[in-house]
Amino acid sequence: MTTNGWPGDVLLTAIVLLGSSVQWLTGMGFALVSVPALILLLGPAQGVVLANCASGAICLVGLASGWRLVRPAAMLPLCAAAACTVPAGAWTTRHLPQAWLLLLMGGLVTCAVLLVMRGLRVPALGGTKGAVAAGATGGFMNAAAGVGGPPVSLYALNAGWTVREFVPNAMFYGVFVNVFSVAANGLPQLSPPRWVAVLAAMSVGGLIGRALASRVPERRARTLVLLLALTGGITTLGKGLWGMW
């Protein structure tokens, strides 16, 4: 389902505004919150590539203040593995029928959120093999469904990273995996007014998120993000099932 005209513009602006706000509020969540709504509004292909562009830009801006905490040795296997699987994710997005794409995207988002909420702990996920597995899974998911962060979150959890260590490294990974994804999927086909609306929503959302960060407890904010993402994933999954009938 795609929506044109001013209702679509308003919805698009609201989705990007919400996603940007929660990203700056919690350090995560733009793709998880925005992707299900974007693919229902713009269609799977355009929704994913817009999420890739916006997520990459937000990560790049956020990395500017935390790049000194990036661990190059840990990021190398994550990014290299992602580069290998992004083409497969992009191929999936281009070739699957829309109903199947919605099923895949909704299922990936829903499963990823449930795993993050549960805080799955598997010691093997914390080593080099875990980094390769997380990077490869994240690369495929990012190019296919616009959501590549949860596997990296699980890797960081099992590797024993603190939140302070995780955020800049996750942003570093986000920059690279989204650059790979945009290179594979291309840029979103938006009209100039919609590009202006998206950029404005990202900027205002960043200001709102930063303003709320000192007022909203982190645990409550992250729970809200995950619940929103879970709702979106289930809705997209239902849309895909409906389309197959």
C-alpha atoms as a PDB file:
ATOM      1  CA  MET A   1       0.000   0.000   0.000  1.00  0.00           C
ATOM      2  CA  THR A   2       1.455   3.342  -1.062  1.00  0.00           C
ATOM      3  CA  THR A   3      -0.013   6.734  -0.253  1.00  0.00           C
ATOM      4  CA  ASN A   4       0.478   9.788  -2.459  1.00  0.00           C
ATOM      5  CA  GLY A   5      -0.440  13.443  -1.952  1.00  0.00           C
ATOM      6  CA  TRP A   6      -0.366  15.429   1.232  1.00  0.00           C
ATOM      7  CA  PRO A   7      -1.690  12.600   3.497  1.00  0.00           C
ATOM      8  CA  GLY A   8       1.277  10.502   2.431  1.00  0.00           C
ATOM      9  CA  ASP A   9       3.659  13.401   2.985  1.00  0.00           C
ATOM     10  CA  VAL A  10       2.302  13.947   6.500  1.00  0.00           C
ATOM     11  CA  LEU A  11       2.558  10.246   7.342  1.00  0.00           C
ATOM     12  CA  LEU A  12       6.087  10.030   5.971  1.00  0.00           C
ATOM     13  CA  THR A  13       7.169  13.057   7.983  1.00  0.00           C
ATOM     14  CA  ALA A  14       5.600  11.659  11.162  1.00  0.00           C
ATOM     15  CA  ILE A  15       7.273   8.254  10.711  1.00  0.00           C
ATOM     16  CA  VAL A  16      10.735   9.734  10.180  1.00  0.00           C
ATOM     17  CA  LEU A  17      10.221  12.217  13.036  1.00  0.00           C
ATOM     18  CA  LEU A  18       9.285   9.420  15.445  1.00  0.00           C
ATOM     19  CA  GLY A  19      12.131   7.183  14.311  1.00  0.00           C
ATOM     20  CA  SER A  20      14.709   9.953  14.623  1.00  0.00           C
ATOM     21  CA  SER A  21      13.423  10.942  18.056  1.00  0.00           C
ATOM     22  CA  VAL A  22      13.688   7.445  19.499  1.00  0.00           C
ATOM     23  CA  GLN A  23      17.115   6.924  17.895  1.00  0.00           C
ATOM     24  CA  TRP A  24      18.538   9.968  19.670  1.00  0.00           C
ATOM     25  CA  LEU A  25      16.615   9.176  22.859  1.00  0.00           C
ATOM     26  CA  THR A  26      17.856   5.607  23.267  1.00  0.00           C
ATOM     27  CA  GLY A  27      20.797   5.180  20.875  1.00  0.00           C
ATOM     28  CA  MET A  28      18.814   2.662  18.836  1.00  0.00           C
ATOM     29  CA  GLY A  29      15.460   2.192  17.212  1.00  0.00           C
ATOM     30  CA  PHE A  30      15.142   4.264  14.029  1.00  0.00           C
ATOM     31  CA  ALA A  31      14.919   1.254  11.749  1.00  0.00           C
ATOM     32  CA  LEU A  32      13.008  -0.916  14.213  1.00  0.00           C
ATOM     33  CA  VAL A  33      10.319   1.727  14.687  1.00  0.00           C
ATOM     34  CA  SER A  34      10.235   3.184  11.170  1.00  0.00           C
ATOM     35  CA  VAL A  35      10.758   0.292   8.762  1.00  0.00           C
ATOM     36  CA  PRO A  36       7.394  -1.478   9.236  1.00  0.00           C
ATOM     37  CA  ALA A  37       5.528   1.799   8.720  1.00  0.00           C
ATOM     38  CA  LEU A  38       7.742   2.912   5.825  1.00  0.00           C
ATOM     39  CA  ILE A  39       7.284  -0.309   3.862  1.00  0.00           C
ATOM     40  CA  LEU A  40       3.520  -0.146   4.352  1.00  0.00           C
ATOM     41  CA  LEU A  41       3.509   3.497   3.222  1.00  0.00           C
ATOM     42  CA  LEU A  42       6.046   3.416   0.365  1.00  0.00           C
ATOM     43  CA  GLY A  43       6.224  -0.268  -0.506  1.00  0.00           C
ATOM     44  CA  PRO A  44       8.941  -2.755   0.561  1.00  0.00           C
ATOM     45  CA  ALA A  45      11.733  -1.653  -1.791  1.00  0.00           C
ATOM     46  CA  GLN A  46      11.382   2.107  -1.288  1.00  0.00           C
ATOM     47  CA  GLY A  47      10.720   1.762   2.437  1.00  0.00           C
ATOM     48  CA  VAL A  48      13.913  -0.228   2.938  1.00  0.00           C
ATOM     49  CA  VAL A  49      16.198   2.070   0.940  1.00  0.00           C
ATOM     50  CA  LEU A  50      14.817   5.164   2.673  1.00  0.00           C
ATOM     51  CA  ALA A  51      15.461   3.504   6.034  1.00  0.00           C
ATOM     52  CA  ASN A  52      19.000   2.647   4.897  1.00  0.00           C
ATOM     53  CA  CYS A  53      19.680   6.281   3.929  1.00  0.00           C
ATOM     54  CA  ALA A  54      18.191   7.788   7.071  1.00  0.00           C
ATOM     55  CA  SER A  55      19.787   5.271   9.442  1.00  0.00           C
ATOM     56  CA  GLY A  56      23.191   5.730   7.827  1.00  0.00           C
ATOM     57  CA  ALA A  57      22.968   9.521   8.094  1.00  0.00           C
ATOM     58  CA  ILE A  58      21.899   9.403  11.752  1.00  0.00           C
ATOM     59  CA  CYS A  59      24.707   6.976  12.617  1.00  0.00           C
ATOM     60  CA  LEU A  60      27.257   9.186  10.839  1.00  0.00           C
ATOM     61  CA  VAL A  61      26.174  12.275  12.803  1.00  0.00           C
ATOM     62  CA  GLY A  62      26.122  10.322  16.075  1.00  0.00           C
ATOM     63  CA  LEU A  63      29.569   8.843  15.412  1.00  0.00           C
ATOM     64  CA  ALA A  64      31.126  12.303  15.204  1.00  0.00           C
ATOM     65  CA  SER A  65      31.211  12.578  18.999  1.00  0.00           C
ATOM     66  CA  GLY A  66      32.123   8.973  19.837  1.00  0.00           C
ATOM     67  CA  TRP A  67      34.498   7.754  17.151  1.00  0.00           C
ATOM     68  CA  ARG A  68      37.384   7.500  19.621  1.00  0.00           C
ATOM     69  CA  LEU A  69      35.568   4.611  21.360  1.00  0.00           C
ATOM     70  CA  VAL A  70      35.276   2.540  18.184  1.00  0.00           C
ATOM     71  CA  ARG A  71      37.068  -0.821  18.308  1.00  0.00           C
ATOM     72  CA  PRO A  72      38.543  -1.358  14.814  1.00  0.00           C
ATOM     73  CA  ALA A  73      39.602  -4.943  15.543  1.00  0.00           C
ATOM     74  CA  ALA A  74      36.080  -5.892  16.618  1.00  0.00           C
ATOM     75  CA  MET A  75      34.439  -3.979  13.782  1.00  0.00           C
ATOM     76  CA  LEU A  76      36.521  -5.555  11.007  1.00  0.00           C
ATOM     77  CA  PRO A  77      34.872  -9.014  11.056  1.00  0.00           C
ATOM     78  CA  LEU A  78      31.420  -7.475  11.569  1.00  0.00           C
ATOM     79  CA  CYS A  79      31.701  -5.100   8.604  1.00  0.00           C
ATOM     80  CA  ALA A  80      33.487  -7.588   6.331  1.00  0.00           C
ATOM     81  CA  ALA A  81      30.817 -10.219   6.938  1.00  0.00           C
ATOM     82  CA  ALA A  82      28.062  -7.681   6.313  1.00  0.00           C
ATOM     83  CA  ALA A  83      29.624  -6.674   2.989  1.00  0.00           C
ATOM     84  CA  CYS A  84      29.414 -10.315   1.873  1.00  0.00           C
ATOM     85  CA  THR A  85      25.702 -10.757   2.637  1.00  0.00           C
ATOM     86  CA  VAL A  86      24.268  -7.358   1.667  1.00  0.00           C
ATOM     87  CA  PRO A  87      24.013  -8.375  -2.030  1.00  0.00           C
ATOM     88  CA  ALA A  88      21.898 -11.404  -1.075  1.00  0.00           C
ATOM     89  CA  GLY A  89      19.568  -9.177   0.934  1.00  0.00           C
ATOM     90  CA  ALA A  90      19.272  -6.688  -1.929  1.00  0.00           C
ATOM     91  CA  TRP A  91      18.512  -9.519  -4.383  1.00  0.00           C
ATOM     92  CA  THR A  92      15.796 -10.780  -2.059  1.00  0.00           C
ATOM     93  CA  THR A  93      14.141  -7.370  -1.907  1.00  0.00           C
ATOM     94  CA  ARG A  94      14.133  -7.012  -5.706  1.00  0.00           C
ATOM     95  CA  HIS A  95      12.898 -10.490  -6.612  1.00  0.00           C
ATOM     96  CA  LEU A  96      10.410 -11.687  -3.993  1.00  0.00           C
ATOM     97  CA  PRO A  97       6.685 -10.932  -4.564  1.00  0.00           C
ATOM     98  CA  GLN A  98       5.404  -8.130  -2.330  1.00  0.00           C
ATOM     99  CA  ALA A  99       3.339 -10.389  -0.072  1.00  0.00           C
ATOM    100  CA  TRP A 100       6.350 -12.605   0.560  1.00  0.00           C
ATOM    101  CA  LEU A 101       8.516  -9.549   1.152  1.00  0.00           C
ATOM    102  CA  LEU A 102       6.103  -8.255   3.767  1.00  0.00           C
ATOM    103  CA  LEU A 103       6.098 -11.670   5.426  1.00  0.00           C
ATOM    104  CA  LEU A 104       9.894 -11.766   5.422  1.00  0.00           C
ATOM    105  CA  MET A 105      10.309  -8.226   6.724  1.00  0.00           C
ATOM    106  CA  GLY A 106       7.620  -8.536   9.348  1.00  0.00           C
ATOM    107  CA  GLY A 107       9.039 -11.857  10.474  1.00  0.00           C
ATOM    108  CA  LEU A 108      12.612 -10.556  10.668  1.00  0.00           C
ATOM    109  CA  VAL A 109      11.615  -7.477  12.654  1.00  0.00           C
ATOM    110  CA  THR A 110       9.388  -9.474  15.013  1.00  0.00           C
ATOM    111  CA  CYS A 111      11.994 -12.184  15.661  1.00  0.00           C
ATOM    112  CA  ALA A 112      14.782  -9.641  16.097  1.00  0.00           C
ATOM    113  CA  VAL A 113      12.803  -7.623  18.632  1.00  0.00           C
ATOM    114  CA  LEU A 114      11.821 -10.723  20.615  1.00  0.00           C
ATOM    115  CA  LEU A 115      15.451 -11.892  20.757  1.00  0.00           C
ATOM    116  CA  VAL A 116      16.662  -8.474  21.918  1.00  0.00           C
ATOM    117  CA  MET A 117      13.865  -8.244  24.503  1.00  0.00           C
ATOM    118  CA  ARG A 118      14.786 -11.660  25.838  1.00  0.00           C
ATOM    119  CA  GLY A 119      18.508 -10.798  25.909  1.00  0.00           C
ATOM    120  CA  LEU A 120      19.568 -14.127  24.417  1.00  0.00           C
ATOM    121  CA  ARG A 121      22.905 -15.220  25.870  1.00  0.00           C
ATOM    122  CA  VAL A 122      25.020 -17.756  23.969  1.00  0.00           C
ATOM    123  CA  PRO A 123      28.738 -17.695  24.893  1.00  0.00           C
ATOM    124  CA  ALA A 124      29.760 -18.658  21.348  1.00  0.00           C
ATOM    125  CA  LEU A 125      28.190 -15.458  20.021  1.00  0.00           C
ATOM    126  CA  GLY A 126      30.773 -13.340  21.846  1.00  0.00           C
ATOM    127  CA  GLY A 127      33.920 -14.416  19.963  1.00  0.00           C
ATOM    128  CA  THR A 128      35.199 -13.868  16.441  1.00  0.00           C
ATOM    129  CA  LYS A 129      32.782 -16.458  15.048  1.00  0.00           C
ATOM    130  CA  GLY A 130      29.977 -14.615  16.804  1.00  0.00           C
ATOM    131  CA  ALA A 131      31.097 -11.329  15.253  1.00  0.00           C
ATOM    132  CA  VAL A 132      31.123 -12.871  11.772  1.00  0.00           C
ATOM    133  CA  ALA A 133      27.695 -14.443  12.311  1.00  0.00           C
ATOM    134  CA  ALA A 134      26.249 -11.177  13.660  1.00  0.00           C
ATOM    135  CA  GLY A 135      27.764  -9.110  10.862  1.00  0.00           C
ATOM    136  CA  ALA A 136      26.577 -11.478   8.146  1.00  0.00           C
ATOM    137  CA  THR A 137      23.066 -11.731   9.563  1.00  0.00           C
ATOM    138  CA  GLY A 138      22.875  -7.984  10.087  1.00  0.00           C
ATOM    139  CA  GLY A 139      24.057  -7.276   6.536  1.00  0.00           C
ATOM    140  CA  PHE A 140      21.403  -9.507   5.005  1.00  0.00           C
ATOM    141  CA  MET A 141      18.661  -8.149   7.245  1.00  0.00           C
ATOM    142  CA  ASN A 142      19.670  -4.545   6.626  1.00  0.00           C
ATOM    143  CA  ALA A 143      19.593  -4.851   2.835  1.00  0.00           C
ATOM    144  CA  ALA A 144      16.463  -7.030   2.770  1.00  0.00           C
ATOM    145  CA  ALA A 145      14.404  -5.462   5.562  1.00  0.00           C
ATOM    146  CA  GLY A 146      16.213  -2.282   6.633  1.00  0.00           C
ATOM    147  CA  VAL A 147      16.873  -3.666  10.124  1.00  0.00           C
ATOM    148  CA  GLY A 148      20.470  -4.729  10.690  1.00  0.00           C
ATOM    149  CA  GLY A 149      21.090  -3.682  14.305  1.00  0.00           C
ATOM    150  CA  PRO A 150      19.596  -6.485  16.450  1.00  0.00           C
ATOM    151  CA  PRO A 151      22.222  -9.145  15.561  1.00  0.00           C
ATOM    152  CA  VAL A 152      24.953  -6.683  16.532  1.00  0.00           C
ATOM    153  CA  SER A 153      23.107  -5.953  19.786  1.00  0.00           C
ATOM    154  CA  LEU A 154      23.083  -9.679  20.594  1.00  0.00           C
ATOM    155  CA  TYR A 155      26.779  -9.948  19.768  1.00  0.00           C
ATOM    156  CA  ALA A 156      27.623  -6.993  22.036  1.00  0.00           C
ATOM    157  CA  LEU A 157      25.512  -8.460  24.844  1.00  0.00           C
ATOM    158  CA  ASN A 158      27.317 -11.795  24.679  1.00  0.00           C
ATOM    159  CA  ALA A 159      30.719 -10.103  24.292  1.00  0.00           C
ATOM    160  CA  GLY A 160      30.105  -8.224  27.547  1.00  0.00           C
ATOM    161  CA  TRP A 161      30.180  -4.710  26.109  1.00  0.00           C
ATOM    162  CA  THR A 162      28.901  -1.834  28.202  1.00  0.00           C
ATOM    163  CA  VAL A 163      26.328   0.593  26.785  1.00  0.00           C
ATOM    164  CA  ARG A 164      29.068   3.238  26.518  1.00  0.00           C
ATOM    165  CA  GLU A 165      31.127   0.857  24.364  1.00  0.00           C
ATOM    166  CA  PHE A 166      28.199  -0.428  22.346  1.00  0.00           C
ATOM    167  CA  VAL A 167      26.682   2.838  21.078  1.00  0.00           C
ATOM    168  CA  PRO A 168      29.660   4.251  19.084  1.00  0.00           C
ATOM    169  CA  ASN A 169      30.574   0.825  17.707  1.00  0.00           C
ATOM    170  CA  ALA A 170      26.974   0.168  16.690  1.00  0.00           C
ATOM    171  CA  MET A 171      26.925   3.536  14.932  1.00  0.00           C
ATOM    172  CA  PHE A 172      30.184   2.704  13.151  1.00  0.00           C
ATOM    173  CA  TYR A 173      28.684  -0.570  11.964  1.00  0.00           C
ATOM    174  CA  GLY A 174      25.497   1.265  11.024  1.00  0.00           C
ATOM    175  CA  VAL A 175      27.375   3.697   8.792  1.00  0.00           C
ATOM    176  CA  PHE A 176      29.139   0.931   6.892  1.00  0.00           C
ATOM    177  CA  VAL A 177      26.267  -1.520   6.573  1.00  0.00           C
ATOM    178  CA  ASN A 178      23.938   1.230   5.350  1.00  0.00           C
ATOM    179  CA  VAL A 179      26.497   2.476   2.825  1.00  0.00           C
ATOM    180  CA  PHE A 180      26.761  -1.101   1.521  1.00  0.00           C
ATOM    181  CA  SER A 181      22.969  -1.419   1.461  1.00  0.00           C
ATOM    182  CA  VAL A 182      22.423   1.859  -0.401  1.00  0.00           C
ATOM    183  CA  ALA A 183      25.099   0.872  -2.925  1.00  0.00           C
ATOM    184  CA  ALA A 184      23.268  -2.414  -3.499  1.00  0.00           C
ATOM    185  CA  ASN A 185      19.670  -1.147  -3.392  1.00  0.00           C
ATOM    186  CA  GLY A 186      20.063   2.359  -4.796  1.00  0.00           C
ATOM    187  CA  LEU A 187      18.601   5.627  -3.533  1.00  0.00           C
ATOM    188  CA  PRO A 188      14.903   6.035  -2.722  1.00  0.00           C
ATOM    189  CA  GLN A 189      12.781   7.596  -5.453  1.00  0.00           C
ATOM    190  CA  LEU A 190      11.274  10.555  -3.602  1.00  0.00           C
ATOM    191  CA  SER A 191      10.049  13.875  -4.935  1.00  0.00           C
ATOM    192  CA  PRO A 192      12.037  16.997  -3.866  1.00  0.00           C
ATOM    193  CA  PRO A 193       9.317  18.079  -1.381  1.00  0.00           C
ATOM    194  CA  ARG A 194       9.419  14.642   0.253  1.00  0.00           C
ATOM    195  CA  TRP A 195      13.206  14.806   0.541  1.00  0.00           C
ATOM    196  CA  VAL A 196      12.868  18.183   2.252  1.00  0.00           C
ATOM    197  CA  ALA A 197      10.234  16.762   4.607  1.00  0.00           C
ATOM    198  CA  VAL A 198      12.435  13.754   5.455  1.00  0.00           C
ATOM    199  CA  LEU A 199      15.501  15.884   6.187  1.00  0.00           C
ATOM    200  CA  ALA A 200      13.477  18.320   8.286  1.00  0.00           C
ATOM    201  CA  ALA A 201      11.877  15.457  10.236  1.00  0.00           C
ATOM    202  CA  MET A 202      15.280  13.916  10.926  1.00  0.00           C
ATOM    203  CA  SER A 203      16.618  17.232  12.231  1.00  0.00           C
ATOM    204  CA  VAL A 204      13.604  18.018  14.408  1.00  0.00           C
ATOM    205  CA  GLY A 205      13.462  14.435  15.640  1.00  0.00           C
ATOM    206  CA  GLY A 206      17.093  14.666  16.710  1.00  0.00           C
ATOM    207  CA  LEU A 207      16.369  17.803  18.728  1.00  0.00           C
ATOM    208  CA  ILE A 208      13.331  16.192  20.381  1.00  0.00           C
ATOM    209  CA  GLY A 209      15.216  12.999  21.204  1.00  0.00           C
ATOM    210  CA  ARG A 210      18.121  14.869  22.755  1.00  0.00           C
ATOM    211  CA  ALA A 211      15.765  17.034  24.801  1.00  0.00           C
ATOM    212  CA  LEU A 212      13.927  13.980  26.147  1.00  0.00           C
ATOM    213  CA  ALA A 213      17.060  11.928  26.804  1.00  0.00           C
ATOM    214  CA  SER A 214      17.698  13.547  30.183  1.00  0.00           C
ATOM    215  CA  ARG A 215      14.051  13.273  31.267  1.00  0.00           C
ATOM    216  CA  VAL A 216      12.971   9.766  30.265  1.00  0.00           C
ATOM    217  CA  PRO A 217      14.567   6.774  32.038  1.00  0.00           C
ATOM    218  CA  GLU A 218      16.619   4.745  29.553  1.00  0.00           C
ATOM    219  CA  ARG A 219      14.997   1.413  30.433  1.00  0.00           C
ATOM    220  CA  ARG A 220      11.476   2.796  29.960  1.00  0.00           C
ATOM    221  CA  ALA A 221      12.437   4.429  26.659  1.00  0.00           C
ATOM    222  CA  ARG A 222      14.018   1.234  25.294  1.00  0.00           C
ATOM    223  CA  THR A 223      10.981  -0.799  26.325  1.00  0.00           C
ATOM    224  CA  LEU A 224       8.719   1.636  24.481  1.00  0.00           C
ATOM    225  CA  VAL A 225      10.901   1.417  21.362  1.00  0.00           C
ATOM    226  CA  LEU A 226      10.842  -2.369  21.365  1.00  0.00           C
ATOM    227  CA  LEU A 227       7.065  -2.488  21.907  1.00  0.00           C
ATOM    228  CA  LEU A 228       6.527  -0.073  19.004  1.00  0.00           C
ATOM    229  CA  ALA A 229       8.843  -2.137  16.828  1.00  0.00           C
ATOM    230  CA  LEU A 230       7.106  -5.373  17.815  1.00  0.00           C
ATOM    231  CA  THR A 231       3.724  -3.875  16.952  1.00  0.00           C
ATOM    232  CA  GLY A 232       5.027  -2.741  13.576  1.00  0.00           C
ATOM    233  CA  GLY A 233       6.599  -6.117  12.832  1.00  0.00           C
ATOM    234  CA  ILE A 234       3.426  -8.011  13.658  1.00  0.00           C
ATOM    235  CA  THR A 235       1.346  -5.568  11.584  1.00  0.00           C
ATOM    236  CA  THR A 236       3.642  -6.040   8.580  1.00  0.00           C
ATOM    237  CA  LEU A 237       3.525  -9.798   9.041  1.00  0.00           C
ATOM    238  CA  GLY A 238      -0.271  -9.651   9.074  1.00  0.00           C
ATOM    239  CA  LYS A 239      -0.284  -7.482   5.947  1.00  0.00           C
ATOM    240  CA  GLY A 240       1.848 -10.056   4.162  1.00  0.00           C
ATOM    241  CA  LEU A 241      -0.448 -12.912   5.215  1.00  0.00           C
ATOM    242  CA  TRP A 242      -3.479 -10.931   4.061  1.00  0.00           C
ATOM    243  CA  GLY A 243      -1.862 -10.308   0.677  1.00  0.00           C
ATOM    244  CA  MET A 244      -1.364 -14.028   0.094  1.00  0.00           C
ATOM    245  CA  TRP A 245      -5.089 -14.778   0.294  1.00  0.00           C
END
